[in-house]
N, C-alpha and C. Protein backbone atom coordinates (compact mmCIF):
# COMPACT_ATOMS: atom_id res chain seq x y z
N MET A 1 133.71 125.43 88.68
CA MET A 1 132.69 124.75 87.91
C MET A 1 133.11 124.73 86.45
N GLN A 2 132.87 123.62 85.81
CA GLN A 2 133.13 123.48 84.38
C GLN A 2 132.14 124.33 83.60
N VAL A 3 132.53 124.74 82.40
CA VAL A 3 131.62 125.46 81.51
C VAL A 3 131.54 124.72 80.19
N LYS A 4 130.48 125.00 79.46
CA LYS A 4 130.36 124.47 78.12
C LYS A 4 129.93 125.60 77.20
N GLU A 5 130.16 125.39 75.93
CA GLU A 5 129.87 126.42 74.94
C GLU A 5 128.47 126.22 74.38
N CYS A 6 127.74 127.31 74.30
CA CYS A 6 126.40 127.31 73.72
C CYS A 6 126.43 128.36 72.61
N MET A 7 126.30 127.93 71.37
CA MET A 7 126.46 128.84 70.25
C MET A 7 125.20 129.66 70.01
N MET A 8 125.35 130.97 70.05
CA MET A 8 124.28 131.87 69.64
C MET A 8 124.44 132.06 68.13
N GLU A 9 123.37 131.91 67.41
CA GLU A 9 123.42 132.08 65.96
C GLU A 9 123.38 133.57 65.60
N CYS A 10 123.51 133.87 64.32
CA CYS A 10 123.51 135.27 63.86
C CYS A 10 122.17 135.94 64.19
N SER A 11 121.09 135.23 64.00
CA SER A 11 119.78 135.76 64.35
C SER A 11 119.50 135.38 65.80
N LYS A 12 119.44 136.36 66.65
CA LYS A 12 119.26 136.12 68.09
C LYS A 12 117.78 135.93 68.43
N LYS A 13 117.54 135.24 69.53
CA LYS A 13 116.20 135.05 70.08
C LYS A 13 116.10 135.98 71.29
N ILE A 14 115.32 137.05 71.13
CA ILE A 14 115.31 138.15 72.09
C ILE A 14 113.97 138.22 72.81
N ALA A 15 114.01 138.20 74.14
CA ALA A 15 112.81 138.38 74.95
C ALA A 15 112.68 139.85 75.32
N LEU A 16 111.47 140.38 75.15
CA LEU A 16 111.17 141.78 75.45
C LEU A 16 110.09 141.82 76.53
N VAL A 17 110.43 142.46 77.65
CA VAL A 17 109.53 142.51 78.80
C VAL A 17 109.59 143.93 79.36
N ALA A 18 108.46 144.42 79.84
CA ALA A 18 108.45 145.73 80.49
C ALA A 18 107.34 145.80 81.53
N HIS A 19 107.66 146.35 82.66
CA HIS A 19 106.62 146.67 83.63
C HIS A 19 105.73 147.76 83.05
N ASP A 20 104.52 147.88 83.57
CA ASP A 20 103.54 148.82 83.00
C ASP A 20 104.10 150.23 82.85
N ASN A 21 104.80 150.72 83.88
CA ASN A 21 105.33 152.09 83.83
C ASN A 21 106.49 152.24 82.86
N LYS A 22 107.00 151.14 82.32
CA LYS A 22 108.14 151.18 81.40
C LYS A 22 107.79 150.74 79.98
N LYS A 23 106.52 150.38 79.74
CA LYS A 23 106.14 149.91 78.41
C LYS A 23 106.34 150.99 77.34
N ALA A 24 106.03 152.23 77.66
CA ALA A 24 106.22 153.32 76.68
C ALA A 24 107.71 153.49 76.36
N ASP A 25 108.57 153.36 77.37
CA ASP A 25 110.02 153.46 77.14
C ASP A 25 110.50 152.33 76.23
N LEU A 26 110.04 151.12 76.51
CA LEU A 26 110.46 149.98 75.69
C LEU A 26 109.95 150.12 74.26
N LEU A 27 108.73 150.59 74.10
CA LEU A 27 108.17 150.78 72.77
C LEU A 27 108.95 151.85 72.00
N ALA A 28 109.28 152.96 72.65
CA ALA A 28 110.07 154.02 72.00
C ALA A 28 111.43 153.48 71.58
N TRP A 29 112.05 152.70 72.45
CA TRP A 29 113.35 152.09 72.13
C TRP A 29 113.21 151.15 70.93
N ALA A 30 112.16 150.34 70.93
CA ALA A 30 111.95 149.38 69.85
C ALA A 30 111.65 150.09 68.53
N LYS A 31 110.91 151.18 68.56
CA LYS A 31 110.65 151.95 67.33
C LYS A 31 111.96 152.44 66.75
N TYR A 32 112.82 152.95 67.59
CA TYR A 32 114.12 153.46 67.14
C TYR A 32 114.98 152.33 66.55
N ASN A 33 114.83 151.12 67.08
CA ASN A 33 115.65 149.98 66.66
C ASN A 33 114.85 148.95 65.85
N ARG A 34 113.73 149.37 65.26
CA ARG A 34 112.83 148.45 64.59
C ARG A 34 113.51 147.60 63.53
N ASP A 35 114.30 148.21 62.65
CA ASP A 35 114.93 147.46 61.56
C ASP A 35 115.89 146.40 62.09
N LEU A 36 116.62 146.73 63.13
CA LEU A 36 117.52 145.75 63.73
C LEU A 36 116.73 144.61 64.36
N LEU A 37 115.68 144.93 65.10
CA LEU A 37 114.88 143.91 65.76
C LEU A 37 114.20 142.98 64.75
N ASP A 38 113.88 143.50 63.59
CA ASP A 38 113.21 142.71 62.56
C ASP A 38 114.08 141.57 62.04
N ARG A 39 115.38 141.65 62.23
CA ARG A 39 116.30 140.60 61.79
C ARG A 39 116.43 139.46 62.81
N HIS A 40 115.74 139.58 63.93
CA HIS A 40 115.86 138.60 65.00
C HIS A 40 114.48 138.03 65.35
N THR A 41 114.47 136.98 66.14
CA THR A 41 113.22 136.36 66.59
C THR A 41 112.85 136.97 67.93
N LEU A 42 111.64 137.48 68.02
CA LEU A 42 111.21 138.20 69.22
C LEU A 42 110.17 137.41 70.01
N PHE A 43 110.31 137.49 71.32
CA PHE A 43 109.38 136.90 72.27
C PHE A 43 109.01 138.01 73.25
N ALA A 44 107.79 137.98 73.74
CA ALA A 44 107.38 139.00 74.71
C ALA A 44 106.26 138.47 75.58
N THR A 45 106.16 139.06 76.76
CA THR A 45 105.00 138.76 77.59
C THR A 45 103.78 139.39 76.91
N GLY A 46 102.60 138.94 77.30
CA GLY A 46 101.35 139.20 76.59
C GLY A 46 101.08 140.61 76.12
N THR A 47 100.92 141.54 77.03
CA THR A 47 100.56 142.90 76.66
C THR A 47 101.66 143.55 75.83
N THR A 48 102.89 143.38 76.24
CA THR A 48 104.02 143.97 75.52
C THR A 48 104.07 143.43 74.09
N GLY A 49 103.91 142.14 73.92
CA GLY A 49 103.93 141.54 72.58
C GLY A 49 102.83 142.07 71.69
N SER A 50 101.64 142.22 72.23
CA SER A 50 100.52 142.75 71.44
C SER A 50 100.79 144.18 70.99
N VAL A 51 101.34 145.00 71.88
CA VAL A 51 101.66 146.38 71.54
C VAL A 51 102.72 146.43 70.44
N PHE A 52 103.74 145.59 70.54
CA PHE A 52 104.80 145.56 69.53
C PHE A 52 104.25 145.18 68.17
N GLU A 53 103.41 144.16 68.12
CA GLU A 53 102.84 143.74 66.83
C GLU A 53 102.01 144.87 66.23
N LEU A 54 101.19 145.49 67.04
CA LEU A 54 100.30 146.55 66.56
C LEU A 54 101.07 147.79 66.13
N GLU A 55 101.96 148.27 66.97
CA GLU A 55 102.66 149.53 66.74
C GLU A 55 103.82 149.43 65.74
N LEU A 56 104.49 148.27 65.71
CA LEU A 56 105.70 148.14 64.89
C LEU A 56 105.54 147.19 63.71
N GLY A 57 104.46 146.41 63.70
CA GLY A 57 104.28 145.45 62.62
C GLY A 57 105.31 144.33 62.65
N LEU A 58 105.87 144.06 63.82
CA LEU A 58 106.85 142.98 63.96
C LEU A 58 106.15 141.71 64.43
N LYS A 59 106.65 140.57 63.96
CA LYS A 59 106.13 139.29 64.43
C LYS A 59 106.74 139.01 65.80
N VAL A 60 105.89 138.73 66.76
CA VAL A 60 106.33 138.49 68.13
C VAL A 60 105.62 137.25 68.65
N GLU A 61 106.38 136.31 69.22
CA GLU A 61 105.74 135.19 69.89
C GLU A 61 105.33 135.66 71.27
N LYS A 62 104.03 135.71 71.49
CA LYS A 62 103.50 136.24 72.74
C LYS A 62 103.30 135.11 73.75
N LEU A 63 103.80 135.36 74.95
CA LEU A 63 103.61 134.45 76.07
C LEU A 63 102.53 135.05 76.97
N MET A 64 102.31 134.48 78.11
CA MET A 64 101.32 135.02 79.04
C MET A 64 101.78 136.38 79.58
N SER A 65 100.85 137.12 80.12
CA SER A 65 101.18 138.35 80.82
C SER A 65 102.14 138.00 81.96
N GLY A 66 103.07 138.91 82.27
CA GLY A 66 104.06 138.65 83.31
C GLY A 66 103.50 138.13 84.62
N PRO A 67 102.54 138.84 85.23
CA PRO A 67 102.01 138.40 86.52
C PRO A 67 101.23 137.08 86.43
N LEU A 68 100.82 136.68 85.23
CA LEU A 68 100.05 135.45 85.07
C LEU A 68 100.92 134.26 84.68
N GLY A 69 102.24 134.45 84.69
CA GLY A 69 103.14 133.35 84.39
C GLY A 69 104.11 133.63 83.25
N GLY A 70 103.97 134.75 82.56
CA GLY A 70 104.85 135.07 81.44
C GLY A 70 106.30 135.21 81.84
N ASP A 71 106.57 135.81 82.99
CA ASP A 71 107.95 135.93 83.46
C ASP A 71 108.56 134.54 83.66
N GLN A 72 107.78 133.64 84.21
CA GLN A 72 108.26 132.27 84.43
C GLN A 72 108.44 131.52 83.11
N GLN A 73 107.57 131.79 82.14
CA GLN A 73 107.73 131.16 80.83
C GLN A 73 109.04 131.60 80.18
N ILE A 74 109.35 132.87 80.29
CA ILE A 74 110.61 133.37 79.72
C ILE A 74 111.79 132.76 80.48
N GLY A 75 111.71 132.70 81.80
CA GLY A 75 112.77 132.08 82.58
C GLY A 75 112.99 130.62 82.19
N ALA A 76 111.91 129.90 81.94
CA ALA A 76 112.03 128.49 81.53
C ALA A 76 112.70 128.40 80.17
N ARG A 77 112.39 129.30 79.26
CA ARG A 77 113.01 129.28 77.93
C ARG A 77 114.50 129.64 78.01
N ILE A 78 114.85 130.48 78.94
CA ILE A 78 116.27 130.76 79.15
C ILE A 78 116.97 129.49 79.62
N ALA A 79 116.38 128.80 80.59
CA ALA A 79 116.99 127.60 81.16
C ALA A 79 117.12 126.48 80.15
N THR A 80 116.24 126.44 79.16
CA THR A 80 116.29 125.38 78.15
C THR A 80 117.05 125.82 76.89
N GLY A 81 117.65 126.99 76.92
CA GLY A 81 118.46 127.44 75.79
C GLY A 81 117.67 128.00 74.63
N GLU A 82 116.41 128.33 74.84
CA GLU A 82 115.56 128.82 73.76
C GLU A 82 115.61 130.34 73.60
N LEU A 83 116.30 131.04 74.47
CA LEU A 83 116.44 132.49 74.37
C LEU A 83 117.90 132.88 74.49
N ASP A 84 118.28 133.93 73.76
CA ASP A 84 119.66 134.42 73.78
C ASP A 84 119.83 135.71 74.56
N PHE A 85 118.81 136.57 74.54
CA PHE A 85 118.90 137.90 75.15
C PHE A 85 117.65 138.15 75.98
N LEU A 86 117.79 138.96 77.01
CA LEU A 86 116.64 139.44 77.78
C LEU A 86 116.73 140.95 77.85
N ILE A 87 115.72 141.60 77.30
CA ILE A 87 115.60 143.04 77.43
C ILE A 87 114.37 143.26 78.30
N PHE A 88 114.62 143.70 79.54
CA PHE A 88 113.57 143.80 80.54
C PHE A 88 113.64 145.18 81.17
N PHE A 89 112.80 146.07 80.70
CA PHE A 89 112.71 147.41 81.29
C PHE A 89 111.83 147.30 82.53
N TRP A 90 112.46 147.20 83.69
CA TRP A 90 111.71 147.03 84.92
C TRP A 90 111.73 148.33 85.72
N ASP A 91 110.73 148.46 86.54
CA ASP A 91 110.52 149.68 87.31
C ASP A 91 110.97 149.46 88.75
N PRO A 92 112.14 150.01 89.12
CA PRO A 92 112.64 149.78 90.47
C PRO A 92 111.92 150.60 91.54
N LEU A 93 111.10 151.55 91.14
CA LEU A 93 110.44 152.43 92.11
C LEU A 93 108.99 152.04 92.40
N GLU A 94 108.46 151.12 91.64
CA GLU A 94 107.07 150.72 91.82
C GLU A 94 107.01 149.29 92.35
N PRO A 95 106.36 149.06 93.49
CA PRO A 95 106.25 147.69 93.99
C PRO A 95 105.44 146.84 93.00
N GLN A 96 105.90 145.62 92.79
CA GLN A 96 105.23 144.71 91.86
C GLN A 96 104.65 143.53 92.63
N PRO A 97 103.38 143.21 92.39
CA PRO A 97 102.79 142.08 93.10
C PRO A 97 103.45 140.75 92.75
N HIS A 98 104.08 140.69 91.59
CA HIS A 98 104.75 139.44 91.18
C HIS A 98 106.27 139.58 91.27
N ASP A 99 106.74 140.35 92.25
CA ASP A 99 108.17 140.59 92.43
C ASP A 99 109.00 139.30 92.54
N PRO A 100 108.52 138.26 93.24
CA PRO A 100 109.31 137.01 93.27
C PRO A 100 109.53 136.42 91.87
N ASP A 101 108.53 136.55 90.98
CA ASP A 101 108.69 136.05 89.62
C ASP A 101 109.74 136.86 88.86
N VAL A 102 109.74 138.17 89.08
CA VAL A 102 110.71 139.05 88.43
C VAL A 102 112.12 138.68 88.89
N LYS A 103 112.29 138.51 90.18
CA LYS A 103 113.61 138.13 90.70
C LYS A 103 114.05 136.77 90.16
N ALA A 104 113.12 135.84 90.04
CA ALA A 104 113.44 134.52 89.51
C ALA A 104 113.87 134.63 88.04
N LEU A 105 113.20 135.47 87.28
CA LEU A 105 113.57 135.67 85.88
C LEU A 105 114.97 136.26 85.76
N LEU A 106 115.25 137.28 86.52
CA LEU A 106 116.58 137.89 86.47
C LEU A 106 117.64 136.90 86.95
N ARG A 107 117.30 136.09 87.91
CA ARG A 107 118.23 135.06 88.39
C ARG A 107 118.55 134.06 87.28
N MET A 108 117.54 133.63 86.54
CA MET A 108 117.76 132.68 85.43
C MET A 108 118.69 133.28 84.38
N ALA A 109 118.53 134.57 84.10
CA ALA A 109 119.40 135.21 83.11
C ALA A 109 120.86 135.18 83.57
N VAL A 110 121.09 135.40 84.86
CA VAL A 110 122.46 135.36 85.39
C VAL A 110 122.98 133.93 85.43
N VAL A 111 122.17 132.99 85.92
CA VAL A 111 122.59 131.59 86.02
C VAL A 111 123.03 131.05 84.66
N TRP A 112 122.32 131.41 83.60
CA TRP A 112 122.59 130.87 82.27
C TRP A 112 123.39 131.84 81.39
N ASN A 113 123.96 132.89 81.99
CA ASN A 113 124.85 133.81 81.28
C ASN A 113 124.20 134.43 80.05
N ILE A 114 122.98 134.92 80.22
CA ILE A 114 122.23 135.56 79.14
C ILE A 114 122.48 137.07 79.20
N PRO A 115 122.88 137.70 78.09
CA PRO A 115 122.99 139.16 78.10
C PRO A 115 121.64 139.77 78.48
N THR A 116 121.67 140.71 79.42
CA THR A 116 120.44 141.30 79.95
C THR A 116 120.56 142.81 79.99
N ALA A 117 119.53 143.47 79.49
CA ALA A 117 119.46 144.93 79.56
C ALA A 117 118.25 145.32 80.40
N SER A 118 118.43 146.26 81.30
CA SER A 118 117.34 146.65 82.19
C SER A 118 116.82 148.06 81.93
N ASN A 119 117.44 148.77 81.00
CA ASN A 119 116.99 150.12 80.67
C ASN A 119 117.47 150.46 79.26
N ARG A 120 117.09 151.64 78.78
CA ARG A 120 117.39 152.02 77.40
C ARG A 120 118.89 152.08 77.13
N ALA A 121 119.66 152.63 78.04
CA ALA A 121 121.10 152.75 77.81
C ALA A 121 121.76 151.37 77.69
N SER A 122 121.43 150.46 78.61
CA SER A 122 122.04 149.12 78.52
C SER A 122 121.55 148.38 77.28
N ALA A 123 120.29 148.56 76.90
CA ALA A 123 119.77 147.91 75.69
C ALA A 123 120.47 148.47 74.44
N ASP A 124 120.70 149.79 74.40
CA ASP A 124 121.40 150.39 73.26
C ASP A 124 122.81 149.83 73.12
N PHE A 125 123.53 149.76 74.22
CA PHE A 125 124.89 149.24 74.17
C PHE A 125 124.89 147.76 73.78
N MET A 126 123.94 147.00 74.30
CA MET A 126 123.91 145.58 74.02
C MET A 126 123.63 145.31 72.53
N ILE A 127 122.62 145.95 71.97
CA ILE A 127 122.29 145.61 70.58
C ILE A 127 123.18 146.32 69.57
N SER A 128 123.93 147.32 70.01
CA SER A 128 124.84 147.96 69.06
C SER A 128 126.22 147.29 69.05
N SER A 129 126.37 146.26 69.83
CA SER A 129 127.62 145.50 69.84
C SER A 129 127.85 144.87 68.47
N ARG A 130 129.09 144.77 68.07
CA ARG A 130 129.40 144.13 66.79
C ARG A 130 129.02 142.65 66.81
N LEU A 131 128.77 142.09 67.97
CA LEU A 131 128.41 140.68 68.09
C LEU A 131 126.94 140.39 67.77
N ILE A 132 126.12 141.42 67.68
CA ILE A 132 124.67 141.20 67.54
C ILE A 132 124.32 140.39 66.29
N ASP A 133 125.02 140.58 65.20
CA ASP A 133 124.69 139.88 63.96
C ASP A 133 125.67 138.76 63.62
N HIS A 134 126.43 138.31 64.60
CA HIS A 134 127.40 137.24 64.38
C HIS A 134 127.12 136.08 65.32
N ARG A 135 127.65 134.92 64.96
CA ARG A 135 127.59 133.79 65.88
C ARG A 135 128.47 134.12 67.08
N TYR A 136 128.06 133.63 68.23
CA TYR A 136 128.80 133.94 69.46
C TYR A 136 128.80 132.71 70.37
N PRO A 137 130.00 132.27 70.78
CA PRO A 137 130.08 131.10 71.67
C PRO A 137 129.91 131.51 73.14
N ARG A 138 128.65 131.55 73.58
CA ARG A 138 128.35 131.92 74.96
C ARG A 138 128.74 130.76 75.87
N LEU A 139 129.46 131.07 76.92
CA LEU A 139 129.85 130.04 77.89
C LEU A 139 128.79 129.96 78.98
N VAL A 140 128.35 128.75 79.25
CA VAL A 140 127.36 128.54 80.30
C VAL A 140 127.90 127.49 81.27
N PRO A 141 127.53 127.60 82.52
CA PRO A 141 127.99 126.59 83.49
C PRO A 141 127.49 125.21 83.08
N ASP A 142 128.31 124.23 83.28
CA ASP A 142 127.93 122.85 83.02
C ASP A 142 127.44 122.27 84.35
N TYR A 143 126.16 122.15 84.47
CA TYR A 143 125.55 121.71 85.71
C TYR A 143 125.40 120.19 85.80
N GLU A 144 126.05 119.45 84.91
CA GLU A 144 125.90 117.99 84.90
C GLU A 144 126.32 117.38 86.24
N ASN A 145 127.45 117.81 86.78
CA ASN A 145 127.89 117.27 88.08
C ASN A 145 126.90 117.61 89.18
N TYR A 146 126.31 118.79 89.12
CA TYR A 146 125.34 119.20 90.13
C TYR A 146 124.09 118.31 90.06
N THR A 147 123.62 118.08 88.83
CA THR A 147 122.39 117.29 88.69
C THR A 147 122.60 115.81 88.98
N LYS A 148 123.85 115.35 88.90
CA LYS A 148 124.13 113.93 89.15
C LYS A 148 124.76 113.69 90.51
N ARG A 149 124.78 114.73 91.35
CA ARG A 149 125.41 114.58 92.66
C ARG A 149 124.63 113.58 93.51
N ARG A 150 125.34 112.97 94.41
CA ARG A 150 124.71 112.01 95.33
C ARG A 150 124.01 112.77 96.44
N LEU A 151 122.75 112.47 96.64
CA LEU A 151 121.97 113.13 97.68
C LEU A 151 122.01 112.29 98.96
N PRO A 152 121.98 112.96 100.11
CA PRO A 152 121.92 112.22 101.38
C PRO A 152 120.62 111.43 101.47
N ARG A 153 120.71 110.28 102.07
CA ARG A 153 119.52 109.43 102.21
C ARG A 153 118.73 109.84 103.46
N GLY A 154 117.43 109.92 103.28
CA GLY A 154 116.53 110.11 104.40
C GLY A 154 116.57 111.48 105.05
N GLY A 155 117.18 112.46 104.43
CA GLY A 155 117.22 113.80 105.03
C GLY A 155 117.15 114.85 103.96
N SER A 156 117.10 116.04 104.42
CA SER A 156 117.09 117.15 103.46
C SER A 156 118.48 117.76 103.43
N GLU A 157 118.74 118.54 102.39
CA GLU A 157 120.05 119.18 102.25
C GLU A 157 120.19 120.38 103.11
């Protein structure tokens, strides 16, 4: 498959998401990294975004709560190139009623080659990279041939 370059600017667009059992972990991580996060544009699902604004005084664009469509809103922004990073502290031990949405979100991050952190260690390594404050030519699959492919007539694929 062909790829194309998608330039990440110096100020990254970072989505912050956490399952209920991981919100305290994400908040502690964000407090530790507050000054760095303040240099970037932040997006979060509803409850997480409200907590960040209140506790850290950071401006956060709040989307819907995850189970109410926030995970899908973030996935859509990844697909349209409106997000650069996904920091999603998810709970692998707790069943989630919106698990299909979570899987779809993680799938979008992989499909569009978005750096993704799922816990504190991966988030620390990701944001401490020397690339965090520089432009970065992220390679993404060029799906033009896929979207323009000829479909069979009168049947399903």
